[in-house]
Amino acid sequence: MTDERQSKSDERISKLSQRFKTHTVGRRPTTARTRERHSFYLDGDLVGRLDRAYREVDHALHPHDVSKSAFLETLMEYGLEHIEEIQALLRAQLDLDNPTS
């Protein structure tokens, strides 16, 4: 690929990627946090439970609005603050899945 074609290709990719750096329709971010898009593969039933819990919390806190990202971040932060309990739960699950006797 020539330098000119490479430059045009890089410019096109850069322009296309700009759409992921701002909110759609020019919305301003609602928090000061820097958010990035990440993909996780999660159990479908767990995601369903999260969706239901989010709707319940959002409804309970009405008239205040809670974004789903703020809800999930709060759950994760709480888990990180209680990491020892999480480790114990994981250890118990691993022990049940892999009995050594």
C-alpha atoms as a PDB file:
ATOM      1  CA  MET A   1       0.000   0.000   0.000  1.00  0.00           C
ATOM      2  CA  THR A   2       1.393   3.387  -0.936  1.00  0.00           C
ATOM      3  CA  ASP A   3       1.919   6.074   1.660  1.00  0.00           C
ATOM      4  CA  GLU A   4      -0.894   8.177   0.169  1.00  0.00           C
ATOM      5  CA  ARG A   5      -3.382   5.284   0.273  1.00  0.00           C
ATOM      6  CA  GLN A   6      -2.261   4.415   3.816  1.00  0.00           C
ATOM      7  CA  SER A   7      -2.727   8.030   4.899  1.00  0.00           C
ATOM      8  CA  LYS A   8      -6.245   8.179   3.411  1.00  0.00           C
ATOM      9  CA  SER A   9      -7.102   4.871   5.027  1.00  0.00           C
ATOM     10  CA  ASP A  10      -5.817   6.050   8.425  1.00  0.00           C
ATOM     11  CA  GLU A  11      -7.761   9.308   8.056  1.00  0.00           C
ATOM     12  CA  ARG A  12     -10.965   7.420   7.212  1.00  0.00           C
ATOM     13  CA  ILE A  13     -10.543   5.082  10.200  1.00  0.00           C
ATOM     14  CA  SER A  14      -9.864   8.059  12.467  1.00  0.00           C
ATOM     15  CA  LYS A  15     -13.029   9.816  11.316  1.00  0.00           C
ATOM     16  CA  LEU A  16     -15.101   6.676  11.783  1.00  0.00           C
ATOM     17  CA  SER A  17     -13.736   6.123  15.283  1.00  0.00           C
ATOM     18  CA  GLN A  18     -14.673   9.669  16.333  1.00  0.00           C
ATOM     19  CA  ARG A  19     -18.308   8.586  16.632  1.00  0.00           C
ATOM     20  CA  PHE A  20     -17.377   6.401  19.602  1.00  0.00           C
ATOM     21  CA  LYS A  21     -15.742   9.264  21.488  1.00  0.00           C
ATOM     22  CA  THR A  22     -18.882  11.360  22.010  1.00  0.00           C
ATOM     23  CA  HIS A  23     -22.444  10.605  22.987  1.00  0.00           C
ATOM     24  CA  THR A  24     -25.021  10.172  20.287  1.00  0.00           C
ATOM     25  CA  VAL A  25     -26.913  13.302  19.297  1.00  0.00           C
ATOM     26  CA  GLY A  26     -24.450  15.464  21.195  1.00  0.00           C
ATOM     27  CA  ARG A  27     -25.582  14.543  24.712  1.00  0.00           C
ATOM     28  CA  ARG A  28     -23.228  15.675  27.419  1.00  0.00           C
ATOM     29  CA  PRO A  29     -21.908  13.034  29.833  1.00  0.00           C
ATOM     30  CA  THR A  30     -23.927  12.985  33.057  1.00  0.00           C
ATOM     31  CA  THR A  31     -20.943  12.265  35.312  1.00  0.00           C
ATOM     32  CA  ALA A  32     -17.322  13.311  35.548  1.00  0.00           C
ATOM     33  CA  ARG A  33     -16.189   9.679  35.183  1.00  0.00           C
ATOM     34  CA  THR A  34     -14.353   8.583  32.098  1.00  0.00           C
ATOM     35  CA  ARG A  35     -16.231   5.619  30.717  1.00  0.00           C
ATOM     36  CA  GLU A  36     -14.964   3.148  28.169  1.00  0.00           C
ATOM     37  CA  ARG A  37     -16.759   0.437  26.277  1.00  0.00           C
ATOM     38  CA  HIS A  38     -15.849  -3.111  27.316  1.00  0.00           C
ATOM     39  CA  SER A  39     -17.352  -6.448  26.388  1.00  0.00           C
ATOM     40  CA  PHE A  40     -17.932  -9.215  28.894  1.00  0.00           C
ATOM     41  CA  TYR A  41     -19.464 -12.621  28.333  1.00  0.00           C
ATOM     42  CA  LEU A  42     -21.895 -13.191  31.200  1.00  0.00           C
ATOM     43  CA  ASP A  43     -24.462 -15.813  32.086  1.00  0.00           C
ATOM     44  CA  GLY A  44     -27.819 -14.917  30.519  1.00  0.00           C
ATOM     45  CA  ASP A  45     -29.771 -15.618  33.717  1.00  0.00           C
ATOM     46  CA  LEU A  46     -27.428 -13.347  35.682  1.00  0.00           C
ATOM     47  CA  VAL A  47     -27.910 -10.556  33.151  1.00  0.00           C
ATOM     48  CA  GLY A  48     -31.669 -11.004  33.479  1.00  0.00           C
ATOM     49  CA  ARG A  49     -31.385 -10.710  37.274  1.00  0.00           C
ATOM     50  CA  LEU A  50     -29.261  -7.576  36.876  1.00  0.00           C
ATOM     51  CA  ASP A  51     -31.840  -6.043  34.524  1.00  0.00           C
ATOM     52  CA  ARG A  52     -34.682  -6.754  36.950  1.00  0.00           C
ATOM     53  CA  ALA A  53     -32.692  -5.456  39.935  1.00  0.00           C
ATOM     54  CA  TYR A  54     -31.788  -2.287  38.012  1.00  0.00           C
ATOM     55  CA  ARG A  55     -35.443  -1.611  37.150  1.00  0.00           C
ATOM     56  CA  GLU A  56     -36.468  -2.183  40.783  1.00  0.00           C
ATOM     57  CA  VAL A  57     -33.768   0.163  42.112  1.00  0.00           C
ATOM     58  CA  ASP A  58     -34.521   2.815  39.502  1.00  0.00           C
ATOM     59  CA  HIS A  59     -38.222   2.616  40.393  1.00  0.00           C
ATOM     60  CA  ALA A  60     -37.531   2.720  44.156  1.00  0.00           C
ATOM     61  CA  LEU A  61     -35.384   5.845  43.780  1.00  0.00           C
ATOM     62  CA  HIS A  62     -37.944   7.676  41.640  1.00  0.00           C
ATOM     63  CA  PRO A  63     -38.108  10.643  40.953  1.00  0.00           C
ATOM     64  CA  HIS A  64     -34.308  10.443  40.768  1.00  0.00           C
ATOM     65  CA  ASP A  65     -32.806   8.785  37.722  1.00  0.00           C
ATOM     66  CA  VAL A  66     -30.105   6.147  38.042  1.00  0.00           C
ATOM     67  CA  SER A  67     -28.267   5.162  34.877  1.00  0.00           C
ATOM     68  CA  LYS A  68     -27.635   1.495  34.308  1.00  0.00           C
ATOM     69  CA  SER A  69     -23.899   2.141  34.130  1.00  0.00           C
ATOM     70  CA  ALA A  70     -23.974   3.915  37.517  1.00  0.00           C
ATOM     71  CA  PHE A  71     -25.951   0.995  38.949  1.00  0.00           C
ATOM     72  CA  LEU A  72     -23.474  -1.602  37.632  1.00  0.00           C
ATOM     73  CA  GLU A  73     -20.454   0.475  38.696  1.00  0.00           C
ATOM     74  CA  THR A  74     -21.881   0.740  42.212  1.00  0.00           C
ATOM     75  CA  LEU A  75     -22.372  -3.033  42.362  1.00  0.00           C
ATOM     76  CA  MET A  76     -18.791  -3.606  41.202  1.00  0.00           C
ATOM     77  CA  GLU A  77     -17.358  -1.031  43.609  1.00  0.00           C
ATOM     78  CA  TYR A  78     -19.254  -2.643  46.489  1.00  0.00           C
ATOM     79  CA  GLY A  79     -17.874  -6.025  45.464  1.00  0.00           C
ATOM     80  CA  LEU A  80     -14.337  -4.660  45.362  1.00  0.00           C
ATOM     81  CA  GLU A  81     -14.786  -3.152  48.823  1.00  0.00           C
ATOM     82  CA  HIS A  82     -15.832  -6.615  50.048  1.00  0.00           C
ATOM     83  CA  ILE A  83     -13.265  -8.626  48.088  1.00  0.00           C
ATOM     84  CA  GLU A  84     -12.551 -11.023  50.979  1.00  0.00           C
ATOM     85  CA  GLU A  85     -16.200 -12.108  51.008  1.00  0.00           C
ATOM     86  CA  ILE A  86     -16.114 -12.497  47.225  1.00  0.00           C
ATOM     87  CA  GLN A  87     -13.008 -14.668  47.499  1.00  0.00           C
ATOM     88  CA  ALA A  88     -14.722 -16.850  50.117  1.00  0.00           C
ATOM     89  CA  LEU A  89     -17.749 -17.265  47.851  1.00  0.00           C
ATOM     90  CA  LEU A  90     -15.553 -18.163  44.893  1.00  0.00           C
ATOM     91  CA  ARG A  91     -13.473 -20.552  46.995  1.00  0.00           C
ATOM     92  CA  ALA A  92     -16.636 -22.305  48.209  1.00  0.00           C
ATOM     93  CA  GLN A  93     -17.908 -22.550  44.634  1.00  0.00           C
ATOM     94  CA  LEU A  94     -14.583 -23.970  43.440  1.00  0.00           C
ATOM     95  CA  ASP A  95     -14.585 -26.491  46.293  1.00  0.00           C
ATOM     96  CA  LEU A  96     -18.074 -27.631  45.298  1.00  0.00           C
ATOM     97  CA  ASP A  97     -17.096 -27.916  41.628  1.00  0.00           C
ATOM     98  CA  ASN A  98     -13.800 -29.727  42.275  1.00  0.00           C
ATOM     99  CA  PRO A  99     -13.992 -31.972  45.357  1.00  0.00           C
ATOM    100  CA  THR A 100     -10.523 -33.299  46.194  1.00  0.00           C
ATOM    101  CA  SER A 101     -11.623 -36.423  48.061  1.00  0.00           C
END
